[in-house]
Amino acid sequence: MTKSADAYRTISEAAAEVDLPTHVLRFWETKFAQLKPVKNKGGRRLYRPQDVTLLKGLRRLLYAEGYTIKGVQKYLRDNGVAAVAALGEGGEVAVPLPDSAGESTAMPAAAAGSSASAGAGSVPALQAVLAKVERAKSRLDSALAARG
């Protein structure tokens, strides 16, 4: 008998679903504060469906996209848990863009020209990205005018 999609998974079930050993999941809990499975009274880890989706996104960034643990931590800070969880469901990796401070920020795939439709919750994020792009264009136009 299989569990429903909303059922909690034991660490063994979660590990099997994301095709990783259980010790890797325990290690990732120490490296990614956003990964917090619930624990029952006996201390057993129970992974919610959103935890499993996050695990899939972490696995994709680390194994398929070649990110380091520090790189994934930065990706989580810059883009949030929802963006990493979306990767676990087949979403697109955010494209990093340099900003004026020389730091790298990431643009949501929807703003990068992806065919994915942007939901209402991403409108403020897209407006922020648009503002950054407009500022970058203004700086570039100024630099080109000073040059020529």
C-alpha atoms as a PDB file:
ATOM      1  CA  MET A   1       0.000   0.000   0.000  1.00  0.00           C
ATOM      2  CA  THR A   2       1.415   3.410  -0.967  1.00  0.00           C
ATOM      3  CA  LYS A   3       1.080   6.549   1.089  1.00  0.00           C
ATOM      4  CA  SER A   4      -0.949   9.503  -0.073  1.00  0.00           C
ATOM      5  CA  ALA A   5       0.901  12.533  -1.446  1.00  0.00           C
ATOM      6  CA  ASP A   6       0.074  14.471   1.748  1.00  0.00           C
ATOM      7  CA  ALA A   7       1.389  11.823   4.149  1.00  0.00           C
ATOM      8  CA  TYR A   8       4.524  12.363   6.192  1.00  0.00           C
ATOM      9  CA  ARG A   9       7.539  10.259   5.221  1.00  0.00           C
ATOM     10  CA  THR A  10      10.060   8.579   7.489  1.00  0.00           C
ATOM     11  CA  ILE A  11      13.700   9.383   6.811  1.00  0.00           C
ATOM     12  CA  SER A  12      14.048   6.068   4.955  1.00  0.00           C
ATOM     13  CA  GLU A  13      11.050   6.813   2.750  1.00  0.00           C
ATOM     14  CA  ALA A  14      12.208  10.380   2.069  1.00  0.00           C
ATOM     15  CA  ALA A  15      15.725   9.181   1.254  1.00  0.00           C
ATOM     16  CA  ALA A  16      14.370   6.585  -1.149  1.00  0.00           C
ATOM     17  CA  GLU A  17      12.138   9.179  -2.822  1.00  0.00           C
ATOM     18  CA  VAL A  18      15.059  11.552  -3.482  1.00  0.00           C
ATOM     19  CA  ASP A  19      17.502   8.699  -4.178  1.00  0.00           C
ATOM     20  CA  LEU A  20      19.990   9.545  -1.411  1.00  0.00           C
ATOM     21  CA  PRO A  21      21.295   7.724   1.650  1.00  0.00           C
ATOM     22  CA  THR A  22      19.710   8.653   4.989  1.00  0.00           C
ATOM     23  CA  HIS A  23      22.998   9.974   6.379  1.00  0.00           C
ATOM     24  CA  VAL A  24      23.048  12.621   3.632  1.00  0.00           C
ATOM     25  CA  LEU A  25      19.628  13.879   4.741  1.00  0.00           C
ATOM     26  CA  ARG A  26      20.845  14.110   8.342  1.00  0.00           C
ATOM     27  CA  PHE A  27      23.966  15.981   7.182  1.00  0.00           C
ATOM     28  CA  TRP A  28      21.907  18.410   5.086  1.00  0.00           C
ATOM     29  CA  GLU A  29      19.819  19.231   8.177  1.00  0.00           C
ATOM     30  CA  THR A  30      23.029  20.566   9.756  1.00  0.00           C
ATOM     31  CA  LYS A  31      23.937  22.633   6.681  1.00  0.00           C
ATOM     32  CA  PHE A  32      20.537  23.988   5.631  1.00  0.00           C
ATOM     33  CA  ALA A  33      18.533  25.581   8.447  1.00  0.00           C
ATOM     34  CA  GLN A  34      15.498  25.663   6.160  1.00  0.00           C
ATOM     35  CA  LEU A  35      15.319  21.864   6.223  1.00  0.00           C
ATOM     36  CA  LYS A  36      13.548  20.999   9.457  1.00  0.00           C
ATOM     37  CA  PRO A  37      11.589  17.759   9.483  1.00  0.00           C
ATOM     38  CA  VAL A  38       9.208  17.370  12.389  1.00  0.00           C
ATOM     39  CA  LYS A  39      10.152  14.889  15.074  1.00  0.00           C
ATOM     40  CA  ASN A  40       7.700  12.694  16.926  1.00  0.00           C
ATOM     41  CA  LYS A  41       7.874  12.017  20.660  1.00  0.00           C
ATOM     42  CA  GLY A  42      10.384   9.251  20.075  1.00  0.00           C
ATOM     43  CA  GLY A  43      12.673  11.603  18.117  1.00  0.00           C
ATOM     44  CA  ARG A  44      12.021  10.035  14.721  1.00  0.00           C
ATOM     45  CA  ARG A  45      12.207  12.417  11.790  1.00  0.00           C
ATOM     46  CA  LEU A  46       9.047  12.812   9.746  1.00  0.00           C
ATOM     47  CA  TYR A  47       9.363  14.653   6.449  1.00  0.00           C
ATOM     48  CA  ARG A  48       6.375  16.651   5.236  1.00  0.00           C
ATOM     49  CA  PRO A  49       5.646  16.760   1.488  1.00  0.00           C
ATOM     50  CA  GLN A  50       7.204  20.255   1.292  1.00  0.00           C
ATOM     51  CA  ASP A  51      10.352  18.902   3.010  1.00  0.00           C
ATOM     52  CA  VAL A  52      10.650  16.184   0.370  1.00  0.00           C
ATOM     53  CA  THR A  53      10.200  18.759  -2.404  1.00  0.00           C
ATOM     54  CA  LEU A  54      12.916  20.912  -0.803  1.00  0.00           C
ATOM     55  CA  LEU A  55      15.194  17.860  -0.622  1.00  0.00           C
ATOM     56  CA  LYS A  56      14.656  17.285  -4.341  1.00  0.00           C
ATOM     57  CA  GLY A  57      15.551  20.914  -5.073  1.00  0.00           C
ATOM     58  CA  LEU A  58      18.675  20.720  -2.890  1.00  0.00           C
ATOM     59  CA  ARG A  59      19.693  17.499  -4.612  1.00  0.00           C
ATOM     60  CA  ARG A  60      19.261  19.093  -8.023  1.00  0.00           C
ATOM     61  CA  LEU A  61      21.358  22.140  -7.124  1.00  0.00           C
ATOM     62  CA  LEU A  62      24.130  20.058  -5.563  1.00  0.00           C
ATOM     63  CA  TYR A  63      24.284  17.135  -7.976  1.00  0.00           C
ATOM     64  CA  ALA A  64      22.795  18.252 -11.292  1.00  0.00           C
ATOM     65  CA  GLU A  65      23.690  21.961 -11.309  1.00  0.00           C
ATOM     66  CA  GLY A  66      27.084  21.595  -9.614  1.00  0.00           C
ATOM     67  CA  TYR A  67      26.553  24.024  -6.732  1.00  0.00           C
ATOM     68  CA  THR A  68      28.634  23.736  -3.570  1.00  0.00           C
ATOM     69  CA  ILE A  69      27.001  23.688  -0.141  1.00  0.00           C
ATOM     70  CA  LYS A  70      27.957  27.350   0.347  1.00  0.00           C
ATOM     71  CA  GLY A  71      26.571  28.111  -3.100  1.00  0.00           C
ATOM     72  CA  VAL A  72      23.253  26.485  -2.240  1.00  0.00           C
ATOM     73  CA  GLN A  73      23.150  28.371   1.080  1.00  0.00           C
ATOM     74  CA  LYS A  74      23.600  31.632  -0.846  1.00  0.00           C
ATOM     75  CA  TYR A  75      20.981  30.536  -3.395  1.00  0.00           C
ATOM     76  CA  LEU A  76      18.558  29.903  -0.533  1.00  0.00           C
ATOM     77  CA  ARG A  77      19.293  33.353   0.974  1.00  0.00           C
ATOM     78  CA  ASP A  78      18.926  35.125  -2.369  1.00  0.00           C
ATOM     79  CA  ASN A  79      15.927  33.243  -3.756  1.00  0.00           C
ATOM     80  CA  GLY A  80      14.188  31.622  -0.796  1.00  0.00           C
ATOM     81  CA  VAL A  81      12.942  28.164   0.033  1.00  0.00           C
ATOM     82  CA  ALA A  82      10.092  28.374  -2.481  1.00  0.00           C
ATOM     83  CA  ALA A  83      12.536  28.796  -5.379  1.00  0.00           C
ATOM     84  CA  VAL A  84      14.570  25.751  -4.310  1.00  0.00           C
ATOM     85  CA  ALA A  85      11.401  23.725  -3.752  1.00  0.00           C
ATOM     86  CA  ALA A  86      10.252  24.727  -7.248  1.00  0.00           C
ATOM     87  CA  LEU A  87      13.470  23.220  -8.597  1.00  0.00           C
ATOM     88  CA  GLY A  88      12.449  19.975  -6.942  1.00  0.00           C
ATOM     89  CA  GLU A  89       9.309  20.075  -9.058  1.00  0.00           C
ATOM     90  CA  GLY A  90      11.172  20.715 -12.314  1.00  0.00           C
ATOM     91  CA  GLY A  91      11.414  24.502 -12.198  1.00  0.00           C
ATOM     92  CA  GLU A  92      14.184  26.555 -13.760  1.00  0.00           C
ATOM     93  CA  VAL A  93      17.330  27.655 -11.944  1.00  0.00           C
ATOM     94  CA  ALA A  94      17.454  31.411 -11.345  1.00  0.00           C
ATOM     95  CA  VAL A  95      19.960  33.225 -13.532  1.00  0.00           C
ATOM     96  CA  PRO A  96      22.520  35.219 -11.501  1.00  0.00           C
ATOM     97  CA  LEU A  97      22.892  38.892 -12.434  1.00  0.00           C
ATOM     98  CA  PRO A  98      25.561  41.243 -11.106  1.00  0.00           C
ATOM     99  CA  ASP A  99      24.208  44.297  -9.313  1.00  0.00           C
ATOM    100  CA  SER A 100      25.848  47.683  -8.709  1.00  0.00           C
ATOM    101  CA  ALA A 101      27.588  46.548  -5.506  1.00  0.00           C
ATOM    102  CA  GLY A 102      29.361  43.771  -7.390  1.00  0.00           C
ATOM    103  CA  GLU A 103      27.367  41.106  -5.611  1.00  0.00           C
ATOM    104  CA  SER A 104      25.504  38.492  -7.557  1.00  0.00           C
ATOM    105  CA  THR A 105      21.743  38.363  -7.292  1.00  0.00           C
ATOM    106  CA  ALA A 106      19.501  35.942  -9.085  1.00  0.00           C
ATOM    107  CA  MET A 107      16.680  36.713 -11.421  1.00  0.00           C
ATOM    108  CA  PRO A 108      13.632  34.470 -11.374  1.00  0.00           C
ATOM    109  CA  ALA A 109      13.395  32.285 -14.463  1.00  0.00           C
ATOM    110  CA  ALA A 110      10.039  33.875 -15.326  1.00  0.00           C
ATOM    111  CA  ALA A 111      11.770  37.245 -15.677  1.00  0.00           C
ATOM    112  CA  ALA A 112      14.622  35.711 -17.665  1.00  0.00           C
ATOM    113  CA  GLY A 113      12.265  34.965 -20.526  1.00  0.00           C
ATOM    114  CA  SER A 114      11.063  31.562 -19.442  1.00  0.00           C
ATOM    115  CA  SER A 115       7.722  30.424 -20.741  1.00  0.00           C
ATOM    116  CA  ALA A 116       6.606  29.745 -17.157  1.00  0.00           C
ATOM    117  CA  SER A 117       3.694  31.914 -16.134  1.00  0.00           C
ATOM    118  CA  ALA A 118       4.300  34.193 -13.170  1.00  0.00           C
ATOM    119  CA  GLY A 119       1.776  33.924 -10.356  1.00  0.00           C
ATOM    120  CA  ALA A 120       0.372  36.899  -8.494  1.00  0.00           C
ATOM    121  CA  GLY A 121       2.817  36.307  -5.617  1.00  0.00           C
ATOM    122  CA  SER A 122       5.810  36.904  -7.875  1.00  0.00           C
ATOM    123  CA  VAL A 123       4.731  40.347  -9.132  1.00  0.00           C
ATOM    124  CA  PRO A 124       6.670  42.286  -6.440  1.00  0.00           C
ATOM    125  CA  ALA A 125       9.749  40.154  -7.093  1.00  0.00           C
ATOM    126  CA  LEU A 126       9.480  40.779 -10.821  1.00  0.00           C
ATOM    127  CA  GLN A 127       9.023  44.515 -10.243  1.00  0.00           C
ATOM    128  CA  ALA A 128      12.176  44.548  -8.097  1.00  0.00           C
ATOM    129  CA  VAL A 129      14.110  42.728 -10.823  1.00  0.00           C
ATOM    130  CA  LEU A 130      12.777  45.131 -13.443  1.00  0.00           C
ATOM    131  CA  ALA A 131      13.915  48.104 -11.341  1.00  0.00           C
ATOM    132  CA  LYS A 132      17.416  46.592 -11.084  1.00  0.00           C
ATOM    133  CA  VAL A 133      17.551  46.004 -14.829  1.00  0.00           C
ATOM    134  CA  GLU A 134      16.440  49.578 -15.510  1.00  0.00           C
ATOM    135  CA  ARG A 135      19.129  50.921 -13.136  1.00  0.00           C
ATOM    136  CA  ALA A 136      21.760  48.760 -14.826  1.00  0.00           C
ATOM    137  CA  LYS A 137      20.640  49.983 -18.248  1.00  0.00           C
ATOM    138  CA  SER A 138      20.856  53.571 -17.062  1.00  0.00           C
ATOM    139  CA  ARG A 139      24.416  53.001 -15.782  1.00  0.00           C
ATOM    140  CA  LEU A 140      25.375  51.334 -19.043  1.00  0.00           C
ATOM    141  CA  ASP A 141      23.871  54.169 -21.114  1.00  0.00           C
ATOM    142  CA  SER A 142      25.798  56.712 -18.988  1.00  0.00           C
ATOM    143  CA  ALA A 143      29.065  54.786 -19.406  1.00  0.00           C
ATOM    144  CA  LEU A 144      28.589  54.508 -23.166  1.00  0.00           C
ATOM    145  CA  ALA A 145      27.769  58.224 -23.474  1.00  0.00           C
ATOM    146  CA  ALA A 146      30.884  59.183 -21.452  1.00  0.00           C
ATOM    147  CA  ARG A 147      32.997  56.908 -23.601  1.00  0.00           C
ATOM    148  CA  GLY A 148      31.900  58.209 -26.989  1.00  0.00           C
END
